[in-house]
């Protein structure tokens, strides 16, 4: 089974605001967003167990922990891939594997 790791900004854009939406929402809508994501079957994970790997990825790619934490989680979970919309991170880390560009992820599963 293939799992998808979706960072928070992609999840809100994709599942709550509609695919490719540009609005990030605000504090007033955050609780509703979390509820809707949970109802959509989103599993919430803590990156704590994969933080050492995230720090290694941050050093290797010279990128911040925001994205490497999600990527490390994808490596930790069997068959998982991170979906990202961060072009800079994608260009730095695509060769490491387990990383899909947001606009291309469906083609991988067709």
PDB file of N, CA and C in Angstrom:
ATOM      1  N   UNK A   1       0.835  -1.181   0.000  1.00  0.00           N
ATOM      2  CA  UNK A   1       0.000   0.000   0.000  1.00  0.00           C
ATOM      3  C   UNK A   1       0.883   1.248   0.000  1.00  0.00           C
ATOM      4  N   UNK A   2       0.534   2.216  -0.796  1.00  0.00           N
ATOM      5  CA  UNK A   2       1.282   3.464  -0.877  1.00  0.00           C
ATOM      6  C   UNK A   2       0.604   4.505   0.001  1.00  0.00           C
ATOM      7  N   UNK A   3       1.393   5.152   0.828  1.00  0.00           N
ATOM      8  CA  UNK A   3       0.891   6.230   1.672  1.00  0.00           C
ATOM      9  C   UNK A   3       1.419   7.553   1.138  1.00  0.00           C
ATOM     10  N   UNK A   4       0.666   8.588   1.390  1.00  0.00           N
ATOM     11  CA  UNK A   4       1.088   9.931   1.011  1.00  0.00           C
ATOM     12  C   UNK A   4       1.274  10.767   2.262  1.00  0.00           C
ATOM     13  N   UNK A   5       2.395  11.441   2.354  1.00  0.00           N
ATOM     14  CA  UNK A   5       2.648  12.402   3.418  1.00  0.00           C
ATOM     15  C   UNK A   5       2.410  13.765   2.792  1.00  0.00           C
ATOM     16  N   UNK A   6       1.524  14.518   3.380  1.00  0.00           N
ATOM     17  CA  UNK A   6       1.138  15.815   2.823  1.00  0.00           C
ATOM     18  C   UNK A   6       1.454  16.882   3.852  1.00  0.00           C
ATOM     19  N   UNK A   7       2.257  17.884   3.463  1.00  0.00           N
ATOM     20  CA  UNK A   7       2.548  18.925   4.448  1.00  0.00           C
ATOM     21  C   UNK A   7       1.312  19.774   4.674  1.00  0.00           C
ATOM     22  N   UNK A   8       1.292  20.471   5.787  1.00  0.00           N
ATOM     23  CA  UNK A   8       0.092  21.189   6.223  1.00  0.00           C
ATOM     24  C   UNK A   8      -0.392  22.197   5.196  1.00  0.00           C
ATOM     25  N   UNK A   9       0.502  22.935   4.564  1.00  0.00           N
ATOM     26  CA  UNK A   9       0.051  23.944   3.604  1.00  0.00           C
ATOM     27  C   UNK A   9      -0.586  23.306   2.378  1.00  0.00           C
ATOM     28  N   UNK A  10      -0.045  22.187   1.934  1.00  0.00           N
ATOM     29  CA  UNK A  10      -0.642  21.476   0.804  1.00  0.00           C
ATOM     30  C   UNK A  10      -1.992  20.897   1.212  1.00  0.00           C
ATOM     31  N   UNK A  11      -2.078  20.332   2.406  1.00  0.00           N
ATOM     32  CA  UNK A  11      -3.336  19.734   2.874  1.00  0.00           C
ATOM     33  C   UNK A  11      -4.453  20.761   2.911  1.00  0.00           C
ATOM     34  N   UNK A  12      -4.169  21.917   3.429  1.00  0.00           N
ATOM     35  CA  UNK A  12      -5.213  22.954   3.506  1.00  0.00           C
ATOM     36  C   UNK A  12      -5.629  23.378   2.107  1.00  0.00           C
ATOM     37  N   UNK A  13      -4.672  23.605   1.227  1.00  0.00           N
ATOM     38  CA  UNK A  13      -4.993  24.015  -0.143  1.00  0.00           C
ATOM     39  C   UNK A  13      -5.764  22.928  -0.879  1.00  0.00           C
ATOM     40  N   UNK A  14      -5.336  21.698  -0.678  1.00  0.00           N
ATOM     41  CA  UNK A  14      -5.836  20.590  -1.473  1.00  0.00           C
ATOM     42  C   UNK A  14      -7.171  20.079  -0.979  1.00  0.00           C
ATOM     43  N   UNK A  15      -7.260  19.777   0.293  1.00  0.00           N
ATOM     44  CA  UNK A  15      -8.447  19.130   0.827  1.00  0.00           C
ATOM     45  C   UNK A  15      -9.511  20.095   1.325  1.00  0.00           C
ATOM     46  N   UNK A  16      -9.123  21.264   1.784  1.00  0.00           N
ATOM     47  CA  UNK A  16     -10.087  22.154   2.409  1.00  0.00           C
ATOM     48  C   UNK A  16     -10.496  23.277   1.478  1.00  0.00           C
ATOM     49  N   UNK A  17      -9.557  23.985   0.964  1.00  0.00           N
ATOM     50  CA  UNK A  17      -9.854  25.156   0.141  1.00  0.00           C
ATOM     51  C   UNK A  17     -10.106  24.805  -1.321  1.00  0.00           C
ATOM     52  N   UNK A  18      -9.856  23.586  -1.684  1.00  0.00           N
ATOM     53  CA  UNK A  18     -10.019  23.179  -3.072  1.00  0.00           C
ATOM     54  C   UNK A  18      -8.661  23.095  -3.722  1.00  0.00           C
ATOM     55  N   UNK A  19      -8.493  22.120  -4.568  1.00  0.00           N
ATOM     56  CA  UNK A  19      -7.208  21.900  -5.204  1.00  0.00           C
ATOM     57  C   UNK A  19      -6.740  23.149  -5.930  1.00  0.00           C
ATOM     58  N   UNK A  20      -5.485  23.479  -5.720  1.00  0.00           N
ATOM     59  CA  UNK A  20      -4.783  24.613  -6.331  1.00  0.00           C
ATOM     60  C   UNK A  20      -5.264  25.961  -5.809  1.00  0.00           C
ATOM     61  N   UNK A  21      -6.021  25.956  -4.729  1.00  0.00           N
ATOM     62  CA  UNK A  21      -6.455  27.235  -4.151  1.00  0.00           C
ATOM     63  C   UNK A  21      -5.250  28.024  -3.692  1.00  0.00           C
ATOM     64  N   UNK A  22      -5.378  29.338  -3.694  1.00  0.00           N
ATOM     65  CA  UNK A  22      -4.261  30.176  -3.290  1.00  0.00           C
ATOM     66  C   UNK A  22      -4.427  30.711  -1.884  1.00  0.00           C
ATOM     67  N   UNK A  23      -5.610  30.626  -1.322  1.00  0.00           N
ATOM     68  CA  UNK A  23      -5.848  31.136   0.024  1.00  0.00           C
ATOM     69  C   UNK A  23      -5.268  30.188   1.056  1.00  0.00           C
ATOM     70  N   UNK A  24      -4.556  30.736   2.025  1.00  0.00           N
ATOM     71  CA  UNK A  24      -3.997  29.930   3.102  1.00  0.00           C
ATOM     72  C   UNK A  24      -4.947  29.844   4.285  1.00  0.00           C
ATOM     73  N   UNK A  25      -6.079  30.518   4.241  1.00  0.00           N
ATOM     74  CA  UNK A  25      -6.986  30.518   5.377  1.00  0.00           C
ATOM     75  C   UNK A  25      -6.502  31.485   6.436  1.00  0.00           C
ATOM     76  N   UNK A  26      -7.099  31.423   7.597  1.00  0.00           N
ATOM     77  CA  UNK A  26      -6.692  32.284   8.693  1.00  0.00           C
ATOM     78  C   UNK A  26      -7.048  31.623  10.009  1.00  0.00           C
ATOM     79  N   UNK A  27      -6.740  32.285  11.088  1.00  0.00           N
ATOM     80  CA  UNK A  27      -6.996  31.726  12.411  1.00  0.00           C
ATOM     81  C   UNK A  27      -8.472  31.406  12.599  1.00  0.00           C
ATOM     82  N   UNK A  28      -9.346  32.234  12.050  1.00  0.00           N
ATOM     83  CA  UNK A  28     -10.782  32.018  12.210  1.00  0.00           C
ATOM     84  C   UNK A  28     -11.261  30.716  11.573  1.00  0.00           C
ATOM     85  N   UNK A  29     -10.577  30.266  10.530  1.00  0.00           N
ATOM     86  CA  UNK A  29     -11.008  29.046   9.844  1.00  0.00           C
ATOM     87  C   UNK A  29     -10.178  27.819  10.210  1.00  0.00           C
ATOM     88  N   UNK A  30      -9.128  27.993  10.996  1.00  0.00           N
ATOM     89  CA  UNK A  30      -8.204  26.892  11.280  1.00  0.00           C
ATOM     90  C   UNK A  30      -8.890  25.704  11.949  1.00  0.00           C
ATOM     91  N   UNK A  31      -9.734  25.949  12.935  1.00  0.00           N
ATOM     92  CA  UNK A  31     -10.398  24.834  13.614  1.00  0.00           C
ATOM     93  C   UNK A  31     -11.321  24.086  12.661  1.00  0.00           C
ATOM     94  N   UNK A  32     -12.024  24.803  11.810  1.00  0.00           N
ATOM     95  CA  UNK A  32     -12.874  24.146  10.819  1.00  0.00           C
ATOM     96  C   UNK A  32     -12.028  23.337   9.848  1.00  0.00           C
ATOM     97  N   UNK A  33     -10.865  23.883   9.459  1.00  0.00           N
ATOM     98  CA  UNK A  33      -9.974  23.177   8.539  1.00  0.00           C
ATOM     99  C   UNK A  33      -9.500  21.855   9.132  1.00  0.00           C
ATOM    100  N   UNK A  34      -9.090  21.886  10.394  1.00  0.00           N
ATOM    101  CA  UNK A  34      -8.625  20.666  11.061  1.00  0.00           C
ATOM    102  C   UNK A  34      -9.758  19.648  11.135  1.00  0.00           C
ATOM    103  N   UNK A  35     -10.941  20.085  11.459  1.00  0.00           N
ATOM    104  CA  UNK A  35     -12.090  19.179  11.531  1.00  0.00           C
ATOM    105  C   UNK A  35     -12.362  18.557  10.161  1.00  0.00           C
ATOM    106  N   UNK A  36     -12.371  19.358   9.115  1.00  0.00           N
ATOM    107  CA  UNK A  36     -12.637  18.850   7.767  1.00  0.00           C
ATOM    108  C   UNK A  36     -11.567  17.866   7.314  1.00  0.00           C
ATOM    109  N   UNK A  37     -10.314  18.160   7.613  1.00  0.00           N
ATOM    110  CA  UNK A  37      -9.238  17.237   7.249  1.00  0.00           C
ATOM    111  C   UNK A  37      -9.396  15.908   7.974  1.00  0.00           C
ATOM    112  N   UNK A  38      -9.748  15.950   9.237  1.00  0.00           N
ATOM    113  CA  UNK A  38      -9.961  14.718  10.000  1.00  0.00           C
ATOM    114  C   UNK A  38     -11.118  13.914   9.429  1.00  0.00           C
ATOM    115  N   UNK A  39     -12.207  14.596   9.090  1.00  0.00           N
ATOM    116  CA  UNK A  39     -13.362  13.914   8.505  1.00  0.00           C
ATOM    117  C   UNK A  39     -13.043  13.317   7.144  1.00  0.00           C
ATOM    118  N   UNK A  40     -12.067  13.898   6.435  1.00  0.00           N
ATOM    119  CA  UNK A  40     -11.662  13.382   5.124  1.00  0.00           C
ATOM    120  C   UNK A  40     -10.751  12.163   5.245  1.00  0.00           C
ATOM    121  N   UNK A  41     -10.437  11.768   6.484  1.00  0.00           N
ATOM    122  CA  UNK A  41      -9.615  10.587   6.691  1.00  0.00           C
ATOM    123  C   UNK A  41      -8.136  10.885   6.861  1.00  0.00           C
ATOM    124  N   UNK A  42      -7.766  12.132   7.035  1.00  0.00           N
ATOM    125  CA  UNK A  42      -6.372  12.500   7.223  1.00  0.00           C
ATOM    126  C   UNK A  42      -5.879  11.955   8.558  1.00  0.00           C
ATOM    127  N   UNK A  43      -4.767  11.277   8.529  1.00  0.00           N
ATOM    128  CA  UNK A  43      -4.144  10.764   9.756  1.00  0.00           C
ATOM    129  C   UNK A  43      -3.108  11.780  10.204  1.00  0.00           C
ATOM    130  N   UNK A  44      -3.149  12.156  11.467  1.00  0.00           N
ATOM    131  CA  UNK A  44      -2.227  13.149  12.011  1.00  0.00           C
ATOM    132  C   UNK A  44      -1.024  12.422  12.601  1.00  0.00           C
ATOM    133  N   UNK A  45       0.165  12.832  12.214  1.00  0.00           N
ATOM    134  CA  UNK A  45       1.394  12.200  12.689  1.00  0.00           C
ATOM    135  C   UNK A  45       2.309  13.248  13.300  1.00  0.00           C
ATOM    136  N   UNK A  46       3.045  12.824  14.285  1.00  0.00           N
ATOM    137  CA  UNK A  46       4.055  13.678  14.904  1.00  0.00           C
ATOM    138  C   UNK A  46       5.407  13.345  14.297  1.00  0.00           C
ATOM    139  N   UNK A  47       6.173  14.348  13.911  1.00  0.00           N
ATOM    140  CA  UNK A  47       7.478  14.055  13.315  1.00  0.00           C
ATOM    141  C   UNK A  47       8.552  13.711  14.336  1.00  0.00           C
ATOM    142  N   UNK A  48       8.194  13.605  15.609  1.00  0.00           N
ATOM    143  CA  UNK A  48       9.177  13.384  16.662  1.00  0.00           C
ATOM    144  C   UNK A  48      10.126  12.225  16.416  1.00  0.00           C
ATOM    145  N   UNK A  49       9.595  11.088  16.013  1.00  0.00           N
ATOM    146  CA  UNK A  49      10.422   9.903  15.815  1.00  0.00           C
ATOM    147  C   UNK A  49      11.384  10.051  14.648  1.00  0.00           C
ATOM    148  N   UNK A  50      11.065  10.886  13.705  1.00  0.00           N
ATOM    149  CA  UNK A  50      11.909  11.020  12.523  1.00  0.00           C
ATOM    150  C   UNK A  50      12.733  12.307  12.534  1.00  0.00           C
ATOM    151  N   UNK A  51      12.786  13.005  13.682  1.00  0.00           N
ATOM    152  CA  UNK A  51      13.466  14.291  13.723  1.00  0.00           C
ATOM    153  C   UNK A  51      14.961  14.179  13.447  1.00  0.00           C
ATOM    154  N   UNK A  52      15.613  13.127  13.903  1.00  0.00           N
ATOM    155  CA  UNK A  52      17.046  12.960  13.608  1.00  0.00           C
ATOM    156  C   UNK A  52      17.261  12.839  12.101  1.00  0.00           C
ATOM    157  N   UNK A  53      16.387  12.083  11.444  1.00  0.00           N
ATOM    158  CA  UNK A  53      16.477  11.965   9.984  1.00  0.00           C
ATOM    159  C   UNK A  53      16.180  13.300   9.313  1.00  0.00           C
ATOM    160  N   UNK A  54      15.230  14.045   9.862  1.00  0.00           N
ATOM    161  CA  UNK A  54      14.895  15.359   9.305  1.00  0.00           C
ATOM    162  C   UNK A  54      16.087  16.304   9.400  1.00  0.00           C
ATOM    163  N   UNK A  55      16.799  16.262  10.511  1.00  0.00           N
ATOM    164  CA  UNK A  55      17.979  17.116  10.659  1.00  0.00           C
ATOM    165  C   UNK A  55      19.080  16.704   9.682  1.00  0.00           C
ATOM    166  N   UNK A  56      19.235  15.400   9.472  1.00  0.00           N
ATOM    167  CA  UNK A  56      20.211  14.915   8.492  1.00  0.00           C
ATOM    168  C   UNK A  56      19.844  15.400   7.093  1.00  0.00           C
ATOM    169  N   UNK A  57      18.556  15.297   6.735  1.00  0.00           N
ATOM    170  CA  UNK A  57      18.099  15.781   5.427  1.00  0.00           C
ATOM    171  C   UNK A  57      18.291  17.288   5.291  1.00  0.00           C
ATOM    172  N   UNK A  58      18.031  18.033   6.365  1.00  0.00           N
ATOM    173  CA  UNK A  58      18.210  19.490   6.331  1.00  0.00           C
ATOM    174  C   UNK A  58      19.665  19.836   6.054  1.00  0.00           C
ATOM    175  N   UNK A  59      20.561  19.118   6.692  1.00  0.00           N
ATOM    176  CA  UNK A  59      21.985  19.360   6.466  1.00  0.00           C
ATOM    177  C   UNK A  59      22.377  18.971   5.039  1.00  0.00           C
ATOM    178  N   UNK A  60      21.908  17.815   4.606  1.00  0.00           N
ATOM    179  CA  UNK A  60      22.258  17.302   3.277  1.00  0.00           C
ATOM    180  C   UNK A  60      21.744  18.204   2.165  1.00  0.00           C
ATOM    181  N   UNK A  61      20.540  18.737   2.316  1.00  0.00           N
ATOM    182  CA  UNK A  61      19.936  19.551   1.260  1.00  0.00           C
ATOM    183  C   UNK A  61      20.114  21.050   1.479  1.00  0.00           C
ATOM    184  N   UNK A  62      20.645  21.424   2.652  1.00  0.00           N
ATOM    185  CA  UNK A  62      20.766  22.838   3.023  1.00  0.00           C
ATOM    186  C   UNK A  62      19.403  23.522   2.949  1.00  0.00           C
ATOM    187  N   UNK A  63      18.411  22.848   3.553  1.00  0.00           N
ATOM    188  CA  UNK A  63      17.033  23.331   3.552  1.00  0.00           C
ATOM    189  C   UNK A  63      16.503  23.289   4.979  1.00  0.00           C
ATOM    190  N   UNK A  64      15.460  24.047   5.257  1.00  0.00           N
ATOM    191  CA  UNK A  64      14.928  24.130   6.612  1.00  0.00           C
ATOM    192  C   UNK A  64      14.152  22.869   7.009  1.00  0.00           C
ATOM    193  N   UNK A  65      13.951  22.725   8.306  1.00  0.00           N
ATOM    194  CA  UNK A  65      13.287  21.539   8.857  1.00  0.00           C
ATOM    195  C   UNK A  65      11.808  21.437   8.510  1.00  0.00           C
ATOM    196  N   UNK A  66      11.174  22.530   8.105  1.00  0.00           N
ATOM    197  CA  UNK A  66       9.746  22.473   7.804  1.00  0.00           C
ATOM    198  C   UNK A  66       9.451  21.394   6.766  1.00  0.00           C
ATOM    199  N   UNK A  67      10.240  21.344   5.720  1.00  0.00           N
ATOM    200  CA  UNK A  67      10.008  20.345   4.678  1.00  0.00           C
ATOM    201  C   UNK A  67      10.720  19.034   4.958  1.00  0.00           C
ATOM    202  N   UNK A  68      11.910  19.103   5.520  1.00  0.00           N
ATOM    203  CA  UNK A  68      12.639  17.861   5.746  1.00  0.00           C
ATOM    204  C   UNK A  68      11.959  16.978   6.796  1.00  0.00           C
ATOM    205  N   UNK A  69      11.217  17.585   7.723  1.00  0.00           N
ATOM    206  CA  UNK A  69      10.495  16.779   8.721  1.00  0.00           C
ATOM    207  C   UNK A  69       9.434  15.919   8.039  1.00  0.00           C
ATOM    208  N   UNK A  70       8.718  16.503   7.098  1.00  0.00           N
ATOM    209  CA  UNK A  70       7.716  15.728   6.355  1.00  0.00           C
ATOM    210  C   UNK A  70       8.379  14.653   5.500  1.00  0.00           C
ATOM    211  N   UNK A  71       9.484  15.006   4.861  1.00  0.00           N
ATOM    212  CA  UNK A  71      10.179  14.054   4.001  1.00  0.00           C
ATOM    213  C   UNK A  71      10.724  12.888   4.828  1.00  0.00           C
ATOM    214  N   UNK A  72      11.284  13.190   6.003  1.00  0.00           N
ATOM    215  CA  UNK A  72      11.789  12.137   6.874  1.00  0.00           C
ATOM    216  C   UNK A  72      10.661  11.199   7.294  1.00  0.00           C
ATOM    217  N   UNK A  73       9.486  11.748   7.542  1.00  0.00           N
ATOM    218  CA  UNK A  73       8.333  10.920   7.898  1.00  0.00           C
ATOM    219  C   UNK A  73       7.979   9.980   6.750  1.00  0.00           C
ATOM    220  N   UNK A  74       8.065  10.474   5.523  1.00  0.00           N
ATOM    221  CA  UNK A  74       7.799   9.619   4.362  1.00  0.00           C
ATOM    222  C   UNK A  74       8.803   8.473   4.293  1.00  0.00           C
ATOM    223  N   UNK A  75      10.068   8.744   4.589  1.00  0.00           N
ATOM    224  CA  UNK A  75      11.071   7.679   4.599  1.00  0.00           C
ATOM    225  C   UNK A  75      10.807   6.677   5.721  1.00  0.00           C
ATOM    226  N   UNK A  76      10.285   7.144   6.828  1.00  0.00           N
ATOM    227  CA  UNK A  76      10.038   6.290   7.984  1.00  0.00           C
ATOM    228  C   UNK A  76       8.881   5.317   7.760  1.00  0.00           C
ATOM    229  N   UNK A  77       7.884   5.753   7.009  1.00  0.00           N
ATOM    230  CA  UNK A  77       6.683   4.935   6.805  1.00  0.00           C
ATOM    231  C   UNK A  77       6.841   4.132   5.509  1.00  0.00           C
ATOM    232  N   UNK A  78       6.654   2.841   5.607  1.00  0.00           N
ATOM    233  CA  UNK A  78       6.857   1.947   4.471  1.00  0.00           C
ATOM    234  C   UNK A  78       5.987   2.360   3.279  1.00  0.00           C
ATOM    235  N   UNK A  79       6.624   2.579   2.144  1.00  0.00           N
ATOM    236  CA  UNK A  79       5.926   2.895   0.910  1.00  0.00           C
ATOM    237  C   UNK A  79       5.346   4.285   0.825  1.00  0.00           C
ATOM    238  N   UNK A  80       5.729   5.180   1.721  1.00  0.00           N
ATOM    239  CA  UNK A  80       5.147   6.528   1.726  1.00  0.00           C
ATOM    240  C   UNK A  80       5.952   7.492   0.856  1.00  0.00           C
ATOM    241  N   UNK A  81       5.257   8.490   0.340  1.00  0.00           N
ATOM    242  CA  UNK A  81       5.864   9.551  -0.459  1.00  0.00           C
ATOM    243  C   UNK A  81       5.375  10.888   0.066  1.00  0.00           C
ATOM    244  N   UNK A  82       6.266  11.878   0.098  1.00  0.00           N
ATOM    245  CA  UNK A  82       5.885  13.237   0.439  1.00  0.00           C
ATOM    246  C   UNK A  82       5.411  13.937  -0.820  1.00  0.00           C
ATOM    247  N   UNK A  83       4.271  14.602  -0.736  1.00  0.00           N
ATOM    248  CA  UNK A  83       3.802  15.467  -1.812  1.00  0.00           C
ATOM    249  C   UNK A  83       4.173  16.886  -1.417  1.00  0.00           C
ATOM    250  N   UNK A  84       4.886  17.577  -2.290  1.00  0.00           N
ATOM    251  CA  UNK A  84       5.310  18.933  -1.981  1.00  0.00           C
ATOM    252  C   UNK A  84       4.957  19.900  -3.101  1.00  0.00           C
ATOM    253  N   UNK A  85       4.770  21.146  -2.711  1.00  0.00           N
ATOM    254  CA  UNK A  85       4.579  22.228  -3.673  1.00  0.00           C
ATOM    255  C   UNK A  85       5.707  23.251  -3.537  1.00  0.00           C
ATOM    256  N   UNK A  86       6.730  22.885  -2.773  1.00  0.00           N
ATOM    257  CA  UNK A  86       7.884  23.752  -2.572  1.00  0.00           C
ATOM    258  C   UNK A  86       8.921  23.411  -3.642  1.00  0.00           C
ATOM    259  N   UNK A  87       8.955  24.216  -4.683  1.00  0.00           N
ATOM    260  CA  UNK A  87       9.837  23.931  -5.820  1.00  0.00           C
ATOM    261  C   UNK A  87      11.311  23.867  -5.398  1.00  0.00           C
ATOM    262  N   UNK A  88      11.741  24.767  -4.527  1.00  0.00           N
ATOM    263  CA  UNK A  88      13.143  24.769  -4.096  1.00  0.00           C
ATOM    264  C   UNK A  88      13.502  23.448  -3.422  1.00  0.00           C
ATOM    265  N   UNK A  89      12.635  22.996  -2.526  1.00  0.00           N
ATOM    266  CA  UNK A  89      12.934  21.740  -1.847  1.00  0.00           C
ATOM    267  C   UNK A  89      12.873  20.570  -2.830  1.00  0.00           C
ATOM    268  N   UNK A  90      11.904  20.574  -3.700  1.00  0.00           N
ATOM    269  CA  UNK A  90      11.769  19.492  -4.665  1.00  0.00           C
ATOM    270  C   UNK A  90      13.042  19.376  -5.515  1.00  0.00           C
ATOM    271  N   UNK A  91      13.555  20.510  -5.983  1.00  0.00           N
ATOM    272  CA  UNK A  91      14.764  20.488  -6.814  1.00  0.00           C
ATOM    273  C   UNK A  91      15.974  19.986  -6.034  1.00  0.00           C
ATOM    274  N   UNK A  92      16.039  20.320  -4.759  1.00  0.00           N
ATOM    275  CA  UNK A  92      17.165  19.880  -3.931  1.00  0.00           C
ATOM    276  C   UNK A  92      17.081  18.401  -3.564  1.00  0.00           C
ATOM    277  N   UNK A  93      15.876  17.893  -3.346  1.00  0.00           N
ATOM    278  CA  UNK A  93      15.729  16.576  -2.722  1.00  0.00           C
ATOM    279  C   UNK A  93      15.104  15.500  -3.601  1.00  0.00           C
ATOM    280  N   UNK A  94      14.687  15.809  -4.798  1.00  0.00           N
ATOM    281  CA  UNK A  94      14.010  14.818  -5.646  1.00  0.00           C
ATOM    282  C   UNK A  94      14.866  13.579  -5.872  1.00  0.00           C
ATOM    283  N   UNK A  95      16.163  13.758  -6.000  1.00  0.00           N
ATOM    284  CA  UNK A  95      17.041  12.619  -6.264  1.00  0.00           C
ATOM    285  C   UNK A  95      17.138  11.663  -5.074  1.00  0.00           C
ATOM    286  N   UNK A  96      16.716  12.101  -3.899  1.00  0.00           N
ATOM    287  CA  UNK A  96      16.757  11.248  -2.708  1.00  0.00           C
ATOM    288  C   UNK A  96      15.604  10.240  -2.690  1.00  0.00           C
ATOM    289  N   UNK A  97      14.571  10.495  -3.483  1.00  0.00           N
ATOM    290  CA  UNK A  97      13.431   9.593  -3.555  1.00  0.00           C
ATOM    291  C   UNK A  97      12.331   9.938  -2.577  1.00  0.00           C
ATOM    292  N   UNK A  98      11.224   9.198  -2.696  1.00  0.00           N
ATOM    293  CA  UNK A  98      10.057   9.346  -1.819  1.00  0.00           C
ATOM    294  C   UNK A  98       9.480  10.753  -1.841  1.00  0.00           C
ATOM    295  N   UNK A  99       9.584  11.444  -2.966  1.00  0.00           N
ATOM    296  CA  UNK A  99       9.144  12.825  -3.084  1.00  0.00           C
ATOM    297  C   UNK A  99       8.408  13.001  -4.404  1.00  0.00           C
ATOM    298  N   UNK A 100       7.202  13.569  -4.336  1.00  0.00           N
ATOM    299  CA  UNK A 100       6.394  13.797  -5.529  1.00  0.00           C
ATOM    300  C   UNK A 100       6.023  15.273  -5.619  1.00  0.00           C
ATOM    301  N   UNK A 101       6.048  15.806  -6.815  1.00  0.00           N
ATOM    302  CA  UNK A 101       5.612  17.175  -7.053  1.00  0.00           C
ATOM    303  C   UNK A 101       4.088  17.200  -7.017  1.00  0.00           C
ATOM    304  N   UNK A 102       3.508  18.177  -6.367  1.00  0.00           N
ATOM    305  CA  UNK A 102       2.062  18.252  -6.162  1.00  0.00           C
ATOM    306  C   UNK A 102       1.279  18.064  -7.449  1.00  0.00           C
ATOM    307  N   UNK A 103       1.661  18.750  -8.491  1.00  0.00           N
ATOM    308  CA  UNK A 103       0.893  18.692  -9.739  1.00  0.00           C
ATOM    309  C   UNK A 103       1.058  17.367 -10.482  1.00  0.00           C
ATOM    310  N   UNK A 104       2.051  16.569 -10.104  1.00  0.00           N
ATOM    311  CA  UNK A 104       2.332  15.318 -10.816  1.00  0.00           C
ATOM    312  C   UNK A 104       1.947  14.063 -10.048  1.00  0.00           C
ATOM    313  N   UNK A 105       1.514  14.185  -8.808  1.00  0.00           N
ATOM    314  CA  UNK A 105       1.370  13.008  -7.967  1.00  0.00           C
ATOM    315  C   UNK A 105       0.374  11.994  -8.517  1.00  0.00           C
ATOM    316  N   UNK A 106      -0.686  12.437  -9.174  1.00  0.00           N
ATOM    317  CA  UNK A 106      -1.701  11.492  -9.675  1.00  0.00           C
ATOM    318  C   UNK A 106      -1.123  10.559 -10.737  1.00  0.00           C
ATOM    319  N   UNK A 107      -0.256  11.078 -11.563  1.00  0.00           N
ATOM    320  CA  UNK A 107       0.307  10.268 -12.643  1.00  0.00           C
ATOM    321  C   UNK A 107       1.085   9.065 -12.105  1.00  0.00           C
ATOM    322  N   UNK A 108       1.624   9.194 -10.923  1.00  0.00           N
ATOM    323  CA  UNK A 108       2.379   8.086 -10.323  1.00  0.00           C
ATOM    324  C   UNK A 108       1.474   6.906 -10.027  1.00  0.00           C
ATOM    325  N   UNK A 109       0.195   7.174  -9.743  1.00  0.00           N
ATOM    326  CA  UNK A 109      -0.738   6.135  -9.338  1.00  0.00           C
ATOM    327  C   UNK A 109      -1.644   5.667 -10.475  1.00  0.00           C
ATOM    328  N   UNK A 110      -1.487   6.195 -11.645  1.00  0.00           N
ATOM    329  CA  UNK A 110      -2.344   5.785 -12.778  1.00  0.00           C
ATOM    330  C   UNK A 110      -1.859   4.507 -13.401  1.00  0.00           C
TER     331      UNK A 110
END
